[in-house]
Amino acid sequence: MAYDLFVGDSPKHKNENQFVGNIEYEEHPAVLKLLKRKDHFFLNRLANIYEDQCFGQQELHEAQDLLHEMMLVKDLSKAEKMMVYKLIAFISYGLKVGMPLYGIAD
């Protein structure tokens, strides 16, 4: 099971949205570890991989700020670092194209 991330106009038109990546079930513990380090709405919502999510531009800016801060944490595990970089890539693309980021439970 994966949590797919798309950028587009609506989560209802999955085939018309741009697929930007996914969070595999095996990667989910890294999201939970990041959430333990910092309680933040973005990580809270990503932690629930069984519900679809929509992140607007303002939320993406706030999430990007959080993740940039987390890049500097010295004791992140390799899995946590990889997840931070992965999430920054997803968020950056959504901000670049000026569209919401949708997390779709798969």
PDB file of N, CA and C in Angstrom:
ATOM      1  N   MET A   1       0.845  -1.179   0.000  1.00  0.00           N
ATOM      2  CA  MET A   1       0.000   0.000   0.000  1.00  0.00           C
ATOM      3  C   MET A   1       0.888   1.239   0.000  1.00  0.00           C
ATOM      4  N   ALA A   2       0.496   2.203  -0.790  1.00  0.00           N
ATOM      5  CA  ALA A   2       1.237   3.457  -0.872  1.00  0.00           C
ATOM      6  C   ALA A   2       0.282   4.624  -0.666  1.00  0.00           C
ATOM      7  N   TYR A   3       0.852   5.721  -0.276  1.00  0.00           N
ATOM      8  CA  TYR A   3       0.115   6.975  -0.170  1.00  0.00           C
ATOM      9  C   TYR A   3       0.609   7.819  -1.327  1.00  0.00           C
ATOM     10  N   ASP A   4      -0.227   7.992  -2.339  1.00  0.00           N
ATOM     11  CA  ASP A   4       0.163   8.683  -3.559  1.00  0.00           C
ATOM     12  C   ASP A   4      -0.038  10.179  -3.419  1.00  0.00           C
ATOM     13  N   LEU A   5       0.892  10.938  -3.970  1.00  0.00           N
ATOM     14  CA  LEU A   5       0.818  12.393  -3.914  1.00  0.00           C
ATOM     15  C   LEU A   5       0.732  12.958  -5.325  1.00  0.00           C
ATOM     16  N   PHE A   6      -0.259  13.818  -5.517  1.00  0.00           N
ATOM     17  CA  PHE A   6      -0.536  14.427  -6.807  1.00  0.00           C
ATOM     18  C   PHE A   6      -0.640  15.935  -6.653  1.00  0.00           C
ATOM     19  N   VAL A   7      -0.371  16.641  -7.728  1.00  0.00           N
ATOM     20  CA  VAL A   7      -0.592  18.074  -7.795  1.00  0.00           C
ATOM     21  C   VAL A   7      -1.624  18.275  -8.898  1.00  0.00           C
ATOM     22  N   GLY A   8      -2.648  19.077  -8.600  1.00  0.00           N
ATOM     23  CA  GLY A   8      -3.683  19.297  -9.609  1.00  0.00           C
ATOM     24  C   GLY A   8      -4.825  20.129  -9.089  1.00  0.00           C
ATOM     25  N   ASP A   9      -5.897  20.118  -9.861  1.00  0.00           N
ATOM     26  CA  ASP A   9      -7.064  20.933  -9.528  1.00  0.00           C
ATOM     27  C   ASP A   9      -8.022  20.262  -8.560  1.00  0.00           C
ATOM     28  N   SER A  10      -8.072  18.937  -8.583  1.00  0.00           N
ATOM     29  CA  SER A  10      -9.057  18.237  -7.766  1.00  0.00           C
ATOM     30  C   SER A  10      -8.618  16.798  -7.540  1.00  0.00           C
ATOM     31  N   PRO A  11      -8.831  16.275  -6.332  1.00  0.00           N
ATOM     32  CA  PRO A  11      -8.474  14.877  -6.087  1.00  0.00           C
ATOM     33  C   PRO A  11      -9.403  13.907  -6.809  1.00  0.00           C
ATOM     34  N   LYS A  12     -10.538  14.390  -7.262  1.00  0.00           N
ATOM     35  CA  LYS A  12     -11.512  13.518  -7.932  1.00  0.00           C
ATOM     36  C   LYS A  12     -11.090  13.185  -9.357  1.00  0.00           C
ATOM     37  N   HIS A  13     -10.146  13.925  -9.890  1.00  0.00           N
ATOM     38  CA  HIS A  13      -9.673  13.690 -11.258  1.00  0.00           C
ATOM     39  C   HIS A  13      -8.241  13.174 -11.221  1.00  0.00           C
ATOM     40  N   LYS A  14      -8.048  12.059 -10.539  1.00  0.00           N
ATOM     41  CA  LYS A  14      -6.715  11.499 -10.297  1.00  0.00           C
ATOM     42  C   LYS A  14      -5.918  11.345 -11.596  1.00  0.00           C
ATOM     43  N   ASN A  15      -6.565  10.911 -12.669  1.00  0.00           N
ATOM     44  CA  ASN A  15      -5.859  10.687 -13.931  1.00  0.00           C
ATOM     45  C   ASN A  15      -5.429  11.985 -14.603  1.00  0.00           C
ATOM     46  N   GLU A  16      -6.073  13.108 -14.251  1.00  0.00           N
ATOM     47  CA  GLU A  16      -5.724  14.389 -14.855  1.00  0.00           C
ATOM     48  C   GLU A  16      -4.683  15.143 -14.035  1.00  0.00           C
ATOM     49  N   ASN A  17      -4.444  14.714 -12.822  1.00  0.00           N
ATOM     50  CA  ASN A  17      -3.462  15.363 -11.959  1.00  0.00           C
ATOM     51  C   ASN A  17      -2.063  14.867 -12.285  1.00  0.00           C
ATOM     52  N   GLN A  18      -1.069  15.598 -11.826  1.00  0.00           N
ATOM     53  CA  GLN A  18       0.323  15.216 -12.034  1.00  0.00           C
ATOM     54  C   GLN A  18       0.798  14.424 -10.827  1.00  0.00           C
ATOM     55  N   PHE A  19       1.181  13.185 -11.062  1.00  0.00           N
ATOM     56  CA  PHE A  19       1.714  12.331 -10.008  1.00  0.00           C
ATOM     57  C   PHE A  19       3.117  12.833  -9.667  1.00  0.00           C
ATOM     58  N   VAL A  20       3.369  13.101  -8.370  1.00  0.00           N
ATOM     59  CA  VAL A  20       4.697  13.572  -7.979  1.00  0.00           C
ATOM     60  C   VAL A  20       5.462  12.552  -7.146  1.00  0.00           C
ATOM     61  N   GLY A  21       4.801  11.539  -6.646  1.00  0.00           N
ATOM     62  CA  GLY A  21       5.495  10.504  -5.894  1.00  0.00           C
ATOM     63  C   GLY A  21       4.582   9.832  -4.896  1.00  0.00           C
ATOM     64  N   ASN A  22       5.182   9.004  -4.060  1.00  0.00           N
ATOM     65  CA  ASN A  22       4.377   8.312  -3.048  1.00  0.00           C
ATOM     66  C   ASN A  22       5.202   8.054  -1.803  1.00  0.00           C
ATOM     67  N   ILE A  23       4.481   7.739  -0.763  1.00  0.00           N
ATOM     68  CA  ILE A  23       5.091   7.278   0.477  1.00  0.00           C
ATOM     69  C   ILE A  23       4.666   5.823   0.612  1.00  0.00           C
ATOM     70  N   GLU A  24       5.630   4.937   0.512  1.00  0.00           N
ATOM     71  CA  GLU A  24       5.347   3.509   0.619  1.00  0.00           C
ATOM     72  C   GLU A  24       5.029   3.161   2.070  1.00  0.00           C
ATOM     73  N   TYR A  25       4.272   2.106   2.247  1.00  0.00           N
ATOM     74  CA  TYR A  25       3.908   1.669   3.590  1.00  0.00           C
ATOM     75  C   TYR A  25       5.152   1.468   4.459  1.00  0.00           C
ATOM     76  N   GLU A  26       6.213   0.936   3.871  1.00  0.00           N
ATOM     77  CA  GLU A  26       7.452   0.675   4.606  1.00  0.00           C
ATOM     78  C   GLU A  26       8.138   1.971   5.054  1.00  0.00           C
ATOM     79  N   GLU A  27       7.822   3.087   4.394  1.00  0.00           N
ATOM     80  CA  GLU A  27       8.414   4.375   4.740  1.00  0.00           C
ATOM     81  C   GLU A  27       7.619   5.120   5.810  1.00  0.00           C
ATOM     82  N   HIS A  28       6.420   4.660   6.069  1.00  0.00           N
ATOM     83  CA  HIS A  28       5.526   5.347   6.997  1.00  0.00           C
ATOM     84  C   HIS A  28       6.121   5.545   8.393  1.00  0.00           C
ATOM     85  N   PRO A  29       6.877   4.583   8.939  1.00  0.00           N
ATOM     86  CA  PRO A  29       7.476   4.818  10.256  1.00  0.00           C
ATOM     87  C   PRO A  29       8.362   6.072  10.309  1.00  0.00           C
ATOM     88  N   ALA A  30       8.989   6.431   9.202  1.00  0.00           N
ATOM     89  CA  ALA A  30       9.818   7.647   9.185  1.00  0.00           C
ATOM     90  C   ALA A  30       8.952   8.889   9.389  1.00  0.00           C
ATOM     91  N   VAL A  31       7.752   8.896   8.802  1.00  0.00           N
ATOM     92  CA  VAL A  31       6.824  10.018   9.006  1.00  0.00           C
ATOM     93  C   VAL A  31       6.438  10.092  10.487  1.00  0.00           C
ATOM     94  N   LEU A  32       6.164   8.947  11.094  1.00  0.00           N
ATOM     95  CA  LEU A  32       5.786   8.911  12.510  1.00  0.00           C
ATOM     96  C   LEU A  32       6.924   9.379  13.413  1.00  0.00           C
ATOM     97  N   LYS A  33       8.155   9.032  13.063  1.00  0.00           N
ATOM     98  CA  LYS A  33       9.301   9.481  13.851  1.00  0.00           C
ATOM     99  C   LYS A  33       9.479  10.990  13.749  1.00  0.00           C
ATOM    100  N   LEU A  34       9.271  11.535  12.547  1.00  0.00           N
ATOM    101  CA  LEU A  34       9.353  12.987  12.383  1.00  0.00           C
ATOM    102  C   LEU A  34       8.260  13.677  13.192  1.00  0.00           C
ATOM    103  N   LEU A  35       7.075  13.087  13.196  1.00  0.00           N
ATOM    104  CA  LEU A  35       5.960  13.645  13.960  1.00  0.00           C
ATOM    105  C   LEU A  35       6.278  13.655  15.456  1.00  0.00           C
ATOM    106  N   LYS A  36       6.955  12.619  15.951  1.00  0.00           N
ATOM    107  CA  LYS A  36       7.348  12.594  17.365  1.00  0.00           C
ATOM    108  C   LYS A  36       8.320  13.718  17.695  1.00  0.00           C
ATOM    109  N   ARG A  37       9.140  14.068  16.731  1.00  0.00           N
ATOM    110  CA  ARG A  37      10.100  15.154  16.937  1.00  0.00           C
ATOM    111  C   ARG A  37       9.421  16.519  16.925  1.00  0.00           C
ATOM    112  N   LYS A  38       8.424  16.653  16.059  1.00  0.00           N
ATOM    113  CA  LYS A  38       7.764  17.952  15.905  1.00  0.00           C
ATOM    114  C   LYS A  38       6.287  17.736  15.584  1.00  0.00           C
ATOM    115  N   ASP A  39       5.434  18.114  16.504  1.00  0.00           N
ATOM    116  CA  ASP A  39       3.994  18.004  16.293  1.00  0.00           C
ATOM    117  C   ASP A  39       3.571  19.161  15.384  1.00  0.00           C
ATOM    118  N   HIS A  40       3.219  18.839  14.164  1.00  0.00           N
ATOM    119  CA  HIS A  40       2.896  19.841  13.152  1.00  0.00           C
ATOM    120  C   HIS A  40       1.735  19.310  12.320  1.00  0.00           C
ATOM    121  N   PHE A  41       0.856  20.219  11.900  1.00  0.00           N
ATOM    122  CA  PHE A  41      -0.337  19.784  11.164  1.00  0.00           C
ATOM    123  C   PHE A  41       0.009  18.961   9.927  1.00  0.00           C
ATOM    124  N   PHE A  42       1.065  19.332   9.215  1.00  0.00           N
ATOM    125  CA  PHE A  42       1.413  18.629   7.981  1.00  0.00           C
ATOM    126  C   PHE A  42       1.781  17.177   8.273  1.00  0.00           C
ATOM    127  N   LEU A  43       2.635  16.976   9.245  1.00  0.00           N
ATOM    128  CA  LEU A  43       3.041  15.618   9.594  1.00  0.00           C
ATOM    129  C   LEU A  43       1.883  14.833  10.202  1.00  0.00           C
ATOM    130  N   ASN A  44       1.050  15.497  10.993  1.00  0.00           N
ATOM    131  CA  ASN A  44      -0.134  14.837  11.558  1.00  0.00           C
ATOM    132  C   ASN A  44      -1.031  14.298  10.458  1.00  0.00           C
ATOM    133  N   ARG A  45      -1.262  15.112   9.460  1.00  0.00           N
ATOM    134  CA  ARG A  45      -2.159  14.687   8.380  1.00  0.00           C
ATOM    135  C   ARG A  45      -1.522  13.617   7.498  1.00  0.00           C
ATOM    136  N   LEU A  46      -0.220  13.691   7.284  1.00  0.00           N
ATOM    137  CA  LEU A  46       0.455  12.646   6.506  1.00  0.00           C
ATOM    138  C   LEU A  46       0.515  11.327   7.271  1.00  0.00           C
ATOM    139  N   ALA A  47       0.533  11.412   8.585  1.00  0.00           N
ATOM    140  CA  ALA A  47       0.621  10.206   9.404  1.00  0.00           C
ATOM    141  C   ALA A  47      -0.606   9.320   9.234  1.00  0.00           C
ATOM    142  N   ASN A  48      -1.732   9.918   8.888  1.00  0.00           N
ATOM    143  CA  ASN A  48      -2.951   9.140   8.674  1.00  0.00           C
ATOM    144  C   ASN A  48      -3.043   8.771   7.193  1.00  0.00           C
ATOM    145  N   ILE A  49      -2.384   7.683   6.831  1.00  0.00           N
ATOM    146  CA  ILE A  49      -2.307   7.286   5.422  1.00  0.00           C
ATOM    147  C   ILE A  49      -3.596   6.646   4.908  1.00  0.00           C
ATOM    148  N   TYR A  50      -4.590   6.557   5.771  1.00  0.00           N
ATOM    149  CA  TYR A  50      -5.846   5.945   5.348  1.00  0.00           C
ATOM    150  C   TYR A  50      -6.891   6.989   4.955  1.00  0.00           C
ATOM    151  N   GLU A  51      -6.531   8.266   5.055  1.00  0.00           N
ATOM    152  CA  GLU A  51      -7.457   9.339   4.669  1.00  0.00           C
ATOM    153  C   GLU A  51      -6.807  10.227   3.631  1.00  0.00           C
ATOM    154  N   ASP A  52      -7.592  10.604   2.630  1.00  0.00           N
ATOM    155  CA  ASP A  52      -7.109  11.525   1.618  1.00  0.00           C
ATOM    156  C   ASP A  52      -6.927  12.907   2.243  1.00  0.00           C
ATOM    157  N   GLN A  53      -5.958  13.645   1.726  1.00  0.00           N
ATOM    158  CA  GLN A  53      -5.657  14.975   2.244  1.00  0.00           C
ATOM    159  C   GLN A  53      -5.483  15.950   1.090  1.00  0.00           C
ATOM    160  N   CYS A  54      -5.705  17.222   1.375  1.00  0.00           N
ATOM    161  CA  CYS A  54      -5.444  18.297   0.424  1.00  0.00           C
ATOM    162  C   CYS A  54      -4.674  19.384   1.161  1.00  0.00           C
ATOM    163  N   PHE A  55      -3.559  19.804   0.581  1.00  0.00           N
ATOM    164  CA  PHE A  55      -2.736  20.858   1.157  1.00  0.00           C
ATOM    165  C   PHE A  55      -2.698  22.031   0.188  1.00  0.00           C
ATOM    166  N   GLY A  56      -3.250  23.159   0.615  1.00  0.00           N
ATOM    167  CA  GLY A  56      -3.255  24.367  -0.202  1.00  0.00           C
ATOM    168  C   GLY A  56      -1.899  25.054  -0.166  1.00  0.00           C
ATOM    169  N   GLN A  57      -1.777  26.132  -0.926  1.00  0.00           N
ATOM    170  CA  GLN A  57      -0.508  26.837  -1.047  1.00  0.00           C
ATOM    171  C   GLN A  57       0.027  27.343   0.292  1.00  0.00           C
ATOM    172  N   GLN A  58      -0.807  27.946   1.115  1.00  0.00           N
ATOM    173  CA  GLN A  58      -0.342  28.440   2.407  1.00  0.00           C
ATOM    174  C   GLN A  58       0.159  27.296   3.280  1.00  0.00           C
ATOM    175  N   GLU A  59      -0.563  26.190   3.273  1.00  0.00           N
ATOM    176  CA  GLU A  59      -0.138  25.022   4.056  1.00  0.00           C
ATOM    177  C   GLU A  59       1.192  24.472   3.531  1.00  0.00           C
ATOM    178  N   LEU A  60       1.377  24.498   2.225  1.00  0.00           N
ATOM    179  CA  LEU A  60       2.631  24.018   1.649  1.00  0.00           C
ATOM    180  C   LEU A  60       3.803  24.918   2.061  1.00  0.00           C
ATOM    181  N   HIS A  61       3.572  26.226   2.097  1.00  0.00           N
ATOM    182  CA  HIS A  61       4.623  27.141   2.550  1.00  0.00           C
ATOM    183  C   HIS A  61       5.009  26.850   4.002  1.00  0.00           C
ATOM    184  N   GLU A  62       4.006  26.645   4.849  1.00  0.00           N
ATOM    185  CA  GLU A  62       4.272  26.352   6.255  1.00  0.00           C
ATOM    186  C   GLU A  62       4.992  25.007   6.415  1.00  0.00           C
ATOM    187  N   ALA A  63       4.574  24.024   5.641  1.00  0.00           N
ATOM    188  CA  ALA A  63       5.209  22.706   5.705  1.00  0.00           C
ATOM    189  C   ALA A  63       6.651  22.784   5.198  1.00  0.00           C
ATOM    190  N   GLN A  64       6.883  23.575   4.170  1.00  0.00           N
ATOM    191  CA  GLN A  64       8.229  23.730   3.644  1.00  0.00           C
ATOM    192  C   GLN A  64       9.153  24.357   4.695  1.00  0.00           C
ATOM    193  N   ASP A  65       8.650  25.371   5.404  1.00  0.00           N
ATOM    194  CA  ASP A  65       9.438  25.986   6.473  1.00  0.00           C
ATOM    195  C   ASP A  65       9.809  24.955   7.541  1.00  0.00           C
ATOM    196  N   LEU A  66       8.837  24.148   7.945  1.00  0.00           N
ATOM    197  CA  LEU A  66       9.088  23.108   8.938  1.00  0.00           C
ATOM    198  C   LEU A  66      10.176  22.142   8.465  1.00  0.00           C
ATOM    199  N   LEU A  67      10.041  21.665   7.247  1.00  0.00           N
ATOM    200  CA  LEU A  67      10.965  20.661   6.741  1.00  0.00           C
ATOM    201  C   LEU A  67      12.362  21.231   6.523  1.00  0.00           C
ATOM    202  N   HIS A  68      12.448  22.502   6.155  1.00  0.00           N
ATOM    203  CA  HIS A  68      13.769  23.127   6.039  1.00  0.00           C
ATOM    204  C   HIS A  68      14.446  23.175   7.402  1.00  0.00           C
ATOM    205  N   GLU A  69      13.686  23.455   8.439  1.00  0.00           N
ATOM    206  CA  GLU A  69      14.237  23.425   9.802  1.00  0.00           C
ATOM    207  C   GLU A  69      14.681  22.010  10.174  1.00  0.00           C
ATOM    208  N   MET A  70      13.865  21.031   9.804  1.00  0.00           N
ATOM    209  CA  MET A  70      14.171  19.647  10.168  1.00  0.00           C
ATOM    210  C   MET A  70      15.406  19.131   9.434  1.00  0.00           C
ATOM    211  N   MET A  71      15.736  19.704   8.281  1.00  0.00           N
ATOM    212  CA  MET A  71      16.948  19.313   7.558  1.00  0.00           C
ATOM    213  C   MET A  71      18.189  19.537   8.409  1.00  0.00           C
ATOM    214  N   LEU A  72      18.116  20.495   9.318  1.00  0.00           N
ATOM    215  CA  LEU A  72      19.276  20.881  10.113  1.00  0.00           C
ATOM    216  C   LEU A  72      19.425  20.095  11.416  1.00  0.00           C
ATOM    217  N   VAL A  73      18.435  19.259  11.719  1.00  0.00           N
ATOM    218  CA  VAL A  73      18.511  18.445  12.942  1.00  0.00           C
ATOM    219  C   VAL A  73      19.615  17.408  12.750  1.00  0.00           C
ATOM    220  N   LYS A  74      20.551  17.401  13.651  1.00  0.00           N
ATOM    221  CA  LYS A  74      21.754  16.583  13.483  1.00  0.00           C
ATOM    222  C   LYS A  74      21.550  15.088  13.739  1.00  0.00           C
ATOM    223  N   ASP A  75      20.602  14.728  14.586  1.00  0.00           N
ATOM    224  CA  ASP A  75      20.467  13.311  14.937  1.00  0.00           C
ATOM    225  C   ASP A  75      19.334  12.589  14.203  1.00  0.00           C
ATOM    226  N   LEU A  76      18.954  13.073  13.030  1.00  0.00           N
ATOM    227  CA  LEU A  76      17.952  12.357  12.237  1.00  0.00           C
ATOM    228  C   LEU A  76      18.546  11.045  11.735  1.00  0.00           C
ATOM    229  N   SER A  77      17.737  10.013  11.737  1.00  0.00           N
ATOM    230  CA  SER A  77      18.174   8.743  11.151  1.00  0.00           C
ATOM    231  C   SER A  77      18.208   8.894   9.625  1.00  0.00           C
ATOM    232  N   LYS A  78      18.823   7.939   8.962  1.00  0.00           N
ATOM    233  CA  LYS A  78      18.882   7.971   7.496  1.00  0.00           C
ATOM    234  C   LYS A  78      17.468   7.981   6.897  1.00  0.00           C
ATOM    235  N   ALA A  79      16.577   7.167   7.446  1.00  0.00           N
ATOM    236  CA  ALA A  79      15.195   7.103   6.939  1.00  0.00           C
ATOM    237  C   ALA A  79      14.472   8.433   7.139  1.00  0.00           C
ATOM    238  N   GLU A  80      14.703   9.069   8.286  1.00  0.00           N
ATOM    239  CA  GLU A  80      14.077  10.368   8.547  1.00  0.00           C
ATOM    240  C   GLU A  80      14.600  11.425   7.573  1.00  0.00           C
ATOM    241  N   LYS A  81      15.906  11.441   7.348  1.00  0.00           N
ATOM    242  CA  LYS A  81      16.484  12.400   6.395  1.00  0.00           C
ATOM    243  C   LYS A  81      15.913  12.198   5.007  1.00  0.00           C
ATOM    244  N   MET A  82      15.857  10.950   4.581  1.00  0.00           N
ATOM    245  CA  MET A  82      15.322  10.662   3.245  1.00  0.00           C
ATOM    246  C   MET A  82      13.869  11.113   3.124  1.00  0.00           C
ATOM    247  N   MET A  83      13.091  10.925   4.185  1.00  0.00           N
ATOM    248  CA  MET A  83      11.688  11.355   4.159  1.00  0.00           C
ATOM    249  C   MET A  83      11.601  12.884   4.110  1.00  0.00           C
ATOM    250  N   VAL A  84      12.424  13.567   4.878  1.00  0.00           N
ATOM    251  CA  VAL A  84      12.424  15.037   4.841  1.00  0.00           C
ATOM    252  C   VAL A  84      12.701  15.516   3.420  1.00  0.00           C
ATOM    253  N   TYR A  85      13.740  14.965   2.782  1.00  0.00           N
ATOM    254  CA  TYR A  85      14.088  15.386   1.425  1.00  0.00           C
ATOM    255  C   TYR A  85      12.973  15.056   0.432  1.00  0.00           C
ATOM    256  N   LYS A  86      12.374  13.904   0.604  1.00  0.00           N
ATOM    257  CA  LYS A  86      11.289  13.478  -0.278  1.00  0.00           C
ATOM    258  C   LYS A  86      10.099  14.431  -0.151  1.00  0.00           C
ATOM    259  N   LEU A  87       9.730  14.756   1.082  1.00  0.00           N
ATOM    260  CA  LEU A  87       8.595  15.653   1.301  1.00  0.00           C
ATOM    261  C   LEU A  87       8.891  17.059   0.783  1.00  0.00           C
ATOM    262  N   ILE A  88      10.130  17.515   0.941  1.00  0.00           N
ATOM    263  CA  ILE A  88      10.490  18.827   0.405  1.00  0.00           C
ATOM    264  C   ILE A  88      10.321  18.839  -1.111  1.00  0.00           C
ATOM    265  N   ALA A  89      10.700  17.771  -1.768  1.00  0.00           N
ATOM    266  CA  ALA A  89      10.547  17.695  -3.227  1.00  0.00           C
ATOM    267  C   ALA A  89       9.071  17.782  -3.628  1.00  0.00           C
ATOM    268  N   PHE A  90       8.209  17.032  -2.948  1.00  0.00           N
ATOM    269  CA  PHE A  90       6.772  17.071  -3.261  1.00  0.00           C
ATOM    270  C   PHE A  90       6.213  18.476  -3.065  1.00  0.00           C
ATOM    271  N   ILE A  91       6.542  19.064  -1.925  1.00  0.00           N
ATOM    272  CA  ILE A  91       6.028  20.389  -1.570  1.00  0.00           C
ATOM    273  C   ILE A  91       6.544  21.437  -2.548  1.00  0.00           C
ATOM    274  N   SER A  92       7.824  21.371  -2.862  1.00  0.00           N
ATOM    275  CA  SER A  92       8.422  22.357  -3.767  1.00  0.00           C
ATOM    276  C   SER A  92       7.759  22.344  -5.130  1.00  0.00           C
ATOM    277  N   TYR A  93       7.437  21.151  -5.607  1.00  0.00           N
ATOM    278  CA  TYR A  93       6.778  21.079  -6.914  1.00  0.00           C
ATOM    279  C   TYR A  93       5.383  21.712  -6.852  1.00  0.00           C
ATOM    280  N   GLY A  94       4.639  21.408  -5.800  1.00  0.00           N
ATOM    281  CA  GLY A  94       3.312  22.018  -5.651  1.00  0.00           C
ATOM    282  C   GLY A  94       3.391  23.532  -5.602  1.00  0.00           C
ATOM    283  N   LEU A  95       4.391  24.052  -4.897  1.00  0.00           N
ATOM    284  CA  LEU A  95       4.561  25.505  -4.819  1.00  0.00           C
ATOM    285  C   LEU A  95       4.989  26.081  -6.163  1.00  0.00           C
ATOM    286  N   LYS A  96       5.858  25.386  -6.870  1.00  0.00           N
ATOM    287  CA  LYS A  96       6.340  25.871  -8.168  1.00  0.00           C
ATOM    288  C   LYS A  96       5.208  26.011  -9.175  1.00  0.00           C
ATOM    289  N   VAL A  97       4.331  25.012  -9.225  1.00  0.00           N
ATOM    290  CA  VAL A  97       3.230  25.066 -10.199  1.00  0.00           C
ATOM    291  C   VAL A  97       2.009  25.798  -9.651  1.00  0.00           C
ATOM    292  N   GLY A  98       2.037  26.167  -8.368  1.00  0.00           N
ATOM    293  CA  GLY A  98       0.950  26.944  -7.780  1.00  0.00           C
ATOM    294  C   GLY A  98      -0.363  26.197  -7.626  1.00  0.00           C
ATOM    295  N   MET A  99      -0.261  24.894  -7.342  1.00  0.00           N
ATOM    296  CA  MET A  99      -1.458  24.068  -7.207  1.00  0.00           C
ATOM    297  C   MET A  99      -1.422  23.300  -5.894  1.00  0.00           C
ATOM    298  N   PRO A 100      -2.587  22.870  -5.432  1.00  0.00           N
ATOM    299  CA  PRO A 100      -2.632  22.074  -4.192  1.00  0.00           C
ATOM    300  C   PRO A 100      -1.942  20.718  -4.376  1.00  0.00           C
ATOM    301  N   LEU A 101      -1.487  20.188  -3.258  1.00  0.00           N
ATOM    302  CA  LEU A 101      -0.912  18.846  -3.201  1.00  0.00           C
ATOM    303  C   LEU A 101      -1.948  17.930  -2.568  1.00  0.00           C
ATOM    304  N   TYR A 102      -2.256  16.844  -3.232  1.00  0.00           N
ATOM    305  CA  TYR A 102      -3.235  15.879  -2.730  1.00  0.00           C
ATOM    306  C   TYR A 102      -2.548  14.599  -2.323  1.00  0.00           C
ATOM    307  N   GLY A 103      -2.854  14.126  -1.133  1.00  0.00           N
ATOM    308  CA  GLY A 103      -2.425  12.816  -0.678  1.00  0.00           C
ATOM    309  C   GLY A 103      -3.605  11.879  -0.813  1.00  0.00           C
ATOM    310  N   ILE A 104      -3.438  10.847  -1.600  1.00  0.00           N
ATOM    311  CA  ILE A 104      -4.534   9.918  -1.893  1.00  0.00           C
ATOM    312  C   ILE A 104      -4.179   8.537  -1.354  1.00  0.00           C
ATOM    313  N   ALA A 105      -5.006   8.048  -0.444  1.00  0.00           N
ATOM    314  CA  ALA A 105      -4.803   6.708   0.098  1.00  0.00           C
ATOM    315  C   ALA A 105      -5.024   5.701  -1.012  1.00  0.00           C
ATOM    316  N   ASP A 106      -4.066   4.791  -1.165  1.00  0.00           N
ATOM    317  CA  ASP A 106      -4.127   3.852  -2.273  1.00  0.00           C
ATOM    318  C   ASP A 106      -4.370   2.456  -1.738  1.00  0.00           C
TER     319      ASP A 106
END
